[in-house]
């Protein structure tokens, strides 16, 4: 399992959000560098954003969820074309789980376990 994972629940349907494209980036001195990509599985989870050889480092990261594609696949017009969640890794030895609660017109996130 990746040191950074996510899980998306579509609270408008009460079901996991399947097939949501997700990008993971790490902030460098000059910009943001893509370090992982994937899509949520049937349970709305993405467990392998970082490959097994990538060592987590302290610093700023961000997850970008392509919500436009997700809702378009359901013939729903959402308000947010993407959701970006930025967070700081202070202890690289820990696991960072960043869940997203999603609806067409709102979202919420928190640090999970």
C-alpha atoms as a PDB file:
ATOM      1  CA  UNK A   1       0.000   0.000   0.000  1.00  0.00           C
ATOM      2  CA  UNK A   2       1.141   3.523  -0.817  1.00  0.00           C
ATOM      3  CA  UNK A   3       2.189   5.901   1.981  1.00  0.00           C
ATOM      4  CA  UNK A   4      -0.542   8.261   0.697  1.00  0.00           C
ATOM      5  CA  UNK A   5      -4.003   6.853  -0.013  1.00  0.00           C
ATOM      6  CA  UNK A   6      -7.489   8.208  -0.601  1.00  0.00           C
ATOM      7  CA  UNK A   7     -11.107   7.089  -0.525  1.00  0.00           C
ATOM      8  CA  UNK A   8     -14.082   8.887  -2.069  1.00  0.00           C
ATOM      9  CA  UNK A   9     -17.686   8.528  -0.972  1.00  0.00           C
ATOM     10  CA  UNK A  10     -20.377  10.107  -3.134  1.00  0.00           C
ATOM     11  CA  UNK A  11     -22.681  11.376  -0.408  1.00  0.00           C
ATOM     12  CA  UNK A  12     -25.385  12.264  -2.944  1.00  0.00           C
ATOM     13  CA  UNK A  13     -25.814   8.568  -3.773  1.00  0.00           C
ATOM     14  CA  UNK A  14     -24.469   6.985  -0.596  1.00  0.00           C
ATOM     15  CA  UNK A  15     -22.028   4.836  -2.601  1.00  0.00           C
ATOM     16  CA  UNK A  16     -18.282   4.833  -3.216  1.00  0.00           C
ATOM     17  CA  UNK A  17     -17.168   7.052  -6.108  1.00  0.00           C
ATOM     18  CA  UNK A  18     -15.760   4.611  -8.664  1.00  0.00           C
ATOM     19  CA  UNK A  19     -13.373   5.537 -11.450  1.00  0.00           C
ATOM     20  CA  UNK A  20     -12.443   9.027 -10.270  1.00  0.00           C
ATOM     21  CA  UNK A  21      -9.110  10.087 -11.814  1.00  0.00           C
ATOM     22  CA  UNK A  22      -6.697  11.318  -9.118  1.00  0.00           C
ATOM     23  CA  UNK A  23      -3.305  13.013  -9.408  1.00  0.00           C
ATOM     24  CA  UNK A  24      -0.779  13.302  -6.566  1.00  0.00           C
ATOM     25  CA  UNK A  25       1.820  16.081  -6.655  1.00  0.00           C
ATOM     26  CA  UNK A  26       4.691  17.160  -4.413  1.00  0.00           C
ATOM     27  CA  UNK A  27       5.725  20.785  -4.133  1.00  0.00           C
ATOM     28  CA  UNK A  28       9.282  21.576  -5.199  1.00  0.00           C
ATOM     29  CA  UNK A  29      11.118  24.881  -4.879  1.00  0.00           C
ATOM     30  CA  UNK A  30       9.892  25.993  -8.312  1.00  0.00           C
ATOM     31  CA  UNK A  31       6.513  24.295  -8.832  1.00  0.00           C
ATOM     32  CA  UNK A  32       4.487  21.107  -8.346  1.00  0.00           C
ATOM     33  CA  UNK A  33       5.769  17.735  -9.611  1.00  0.00           C
ATOM     34  CA  UNK A  34       3.415  14.867 -10.444  1.00  0.00           C
ATOM     35  CA  UNK A  35       4.510  11.818  -8.463  1.00  0.00           C
ATOM     36  CA  UNK A  36       1.452   9.589  -8.793  1.00  0.00           C
ATOM     37  CA  UNK A  37      -1.737   9.031 -10.758  1.00  0.00           C
ATOM     38  CA  UNK A  38      -4.577   6.579 -10.675  1.00  0.00           C
ATOM     39  CA  UNK A  39      -8.324   6.111 -10.460  1.00  0.00           C
ATOM     40  CA  UNK A  40     -10.493   4.932  -7.601  1.00  0.00           C
ATOM     41  CA  UNK A  41     -11.524   1.276  -7.570  1.00  0.00           C
ATOM     42  CA  UNK A  42     -15.019  -0.207  -7.134  1.00  0.00           C
ATOM     43  CA  UNK A  43     -14.831   0.605  -3.416  1.00  0.00           C
ATOM     44  CA  UNK A  44     -13.902   4.241  -4.155  1.00  0.00           C
ATOM     45  CA  UNK A  45     -10.355   3.668  -2.922  1.00  0.00           C
ATOM     46  CA  UNK A  46      -6.954   4.405  -4.413  1.00  0.00           C
ATOM     47  CA  UNK A  47      -4.279   2.473  -2.556  1.00  0.00           C
ATOM     48  CA  UNK A  48      -1.352   2.696  -4.978  1.00  0.00           C
ATOM     49  CA  UNK A  49      -0.752   6.370  -5.718  1.00  0.00           C
ATOM     50  CA  UNK A  50       2.951   5.897  -4.949  1.00  0.00           C
ATOM     51  CA  UNK A  51       4.830   2.878  -6.231  1.00  0.00           C
ATOM     52  CA  UNK A  52       6.577   0.607  -3.738  1.00  0.00           C
ATOM     53  CA  UNK A  53       9.995   2.128  -4.549  1.00  0.00           C
ATOM     54  CA  UNK A  54       8.979   5.715  -3.748  1.00  0.00           C
ATOM     55  CA  UNK A  55      10.077   6.889  -0.313  1.00  0.00           C
ATOM     56  CA  UNK A  56       7.766   9.473   1.240  1.00  0.00           C
ATOM     57  CA  UNK A  57       9.465  12.743   2.157  1.00  0.00           C
ATOM     58  CA  UNK A  58       8.368  15.617   4.334  1.00  0.00           C
ATOM     59  CA  UNK A  59       6.878  18.570   2.500  1.00  0.00           C
ATOM     60  CA  UNK A  60       3.725  19.830   0.838  1.00  0.00           C
ATOM     61  CA  UNK A  61       1.565  17.581  -1.312  1.00  0.00           C
ATOM     62  CA  UNK A  62      -1.709  17.928  -3.145  1.00  0.00           C
ATOM     63  CA  UNK A  63      -4.320  15.546  -4.454  1.00  0.00           C
ATOM     64  CA  UNK A  64      -6.423  16.628  -7.412  1.00  0.00           C
ATOM     65  CA  UNK A  65      -9.676  14.756  -8.000  1.00  0.00           C
ATOM     66  CA  UNK A  66     -11.188  14.978 -11.516  1.00  0.00           C
ATOM     67  CA  UNK A  67     -14.799  15.349 -10.396  1.00  0.00           C
ATOM     68  CA  UNK A  68     -15.971  16.669 -13.770  1.00  0.00           C
ATOM     69  CA  UNK A  69     -15.174  13.329 -15.424  1.00  0.00           C
ATOM     70  CA  UNK A  70     -16.770  11.389 -12.568  1.00  0.00           C
ATOM     71  CA  UNK A  71     -20.073  13.271 -12.680  1.00  0.00           C
ATOM     72  CA  UNK A  72     -20.129  13.478 -16.499  1.00  0.00           C
ATOM     73  CA  UNK A  73     -19.946   9.666 -16.612  1.00  0.00           C
ATOM     74  CA  UNK A  74     -23.207   9.667 -14.624  1.00  0.00           C
ATOM     75  CA  UNK A  75     -24.853  12.387 -16.740  1.00  0.00           C
ATOM     76  CA  UNK A  76     -24.730  14.784 -13.788  1.00  0.00           C
ATOM     77  CA  UNK A  77     -23.576  18.359 -14.119  1.00  0.00           C
ATOM     78  CA  UNK A  78     -21.564  19.214 -11.038  1.00  0.00           C
ATOM     79  CA  UNK A  79     -20.414  22.619  -9.857  1.00  0.00           C
ATOM     80  CA  UNK A  80     -16.741  21.791  -9.186  1.00  0.00           C
ATOM     81  CA  UNK A  81     -14.771  20.448 -12.182  1.00  0.00           C
ATOM     82  CA  UNK A  82     -12.023  19.358  -9.819  1.00  0.00           C
ATOM     83  CA  UNK A  83     -11.264  19.240  -6.133  1.00  0.00           C
ATOM     84  CA  UNK A  84      -7.727  19.962  -4.976  1.00  0.00           C
ATOM     85  CA  UNK A  85      -6.652  19.098  -1.448  1.00  0.00           C
ATOM     86  CA  UNK A  86      -3.254  20.367  -0.307  1.00  0.00           C
ATOM     87  CA  UNK A  87      -1.665  18.986   2.853  1.00  0.00           C
ATOM     88  CA  UNK A  88       1.665  18.823   4.671  1.00  0.00           C
ATOM     89  CA  UNK A  89       3.608  15.663   5.488  1.00  0.00           C
ATOM     90  CA  UNK A  90       5.553  16.387   8.658  1.00  0.00           C
ATOM     91  CA  UNK A  91       6.482  12.802   9.575  1.00  0.00           C
ATOM     92  CA  UNK A  92       7.406  10.713   6.528  1.00  0.00           C
ATOM     93  CA  UNK A  93       7.232   7.505   8.590  1.00  0.00           C
ATOM     94  CA  UNK A  94       3.453   7.835   8.951  1.00  0.00           C
ATOM     95  CA  UNK A  95       0.687   6.782   6.581  1.00  0.00           C
ATOM     96  CA  UNK A  96      -1.443   9.604   5.163  1.00  0.00           C
ATOM     97  CA  UNK A  97      -5.036   8.759   4.247  1.00  0.00           C
ATOM     98  CA  UNK A  98      -6.997  11.656   2.743  1.00  0.00           C
ATOM     99  CA  UNK A  99     -10.695  10.793   2.235  1.00  0.00           C
ATOM    100  CA  UNK A 100     -13.089  12.930   0.209  1.00  0.00           C
ATOM    101  CA  UNK A 101     -16.837  13.195   0.765  1.00  0.00           C
ATOM    102  CA  UNK A 102     -18.327  14.368  -2.521  1.00  0.00           C
ATOM    103  CA  UNK A 103     -21.582  15.607  -4.028  1.00  0.00           C
ATOM    104  CA  UNK A 104     -22.272  17.549  -7.237  1.00  0.00           C
ATOM    105  CA  UNK A 105     -22.414  20.823  -5.299  1.00  0.00           C
ATOM    106  CA  UNK A 106     -20.091  20.343  -2.340  1.00  0.00           C
ATOM    107  CA  UNK A 107     -17.279  18.371  -0.772  1.00  0.00           C
ATOM    108  CA  UNK A 108     -15.497  17.791   2.509  1.00  0.00           C
ATOM    109  CA  UNK A 109     -12.200  16.198   3.430  1.00  0.00           C
ATOM    110  CA  UNK A 110     -10.282  15.173   6.542  1.00  0.00           C
ATOM    111  CA  UNK A 111      -7.208  13.251   7.603  1.00  0.00           C
ATOM    112  CA  UNK A 112      -8.237   9.646   7.928  1.00  0.00           C
ATOM    113  CA  UNK A 113      -6.527   6.630   9.404  1.00  0.00           C
END
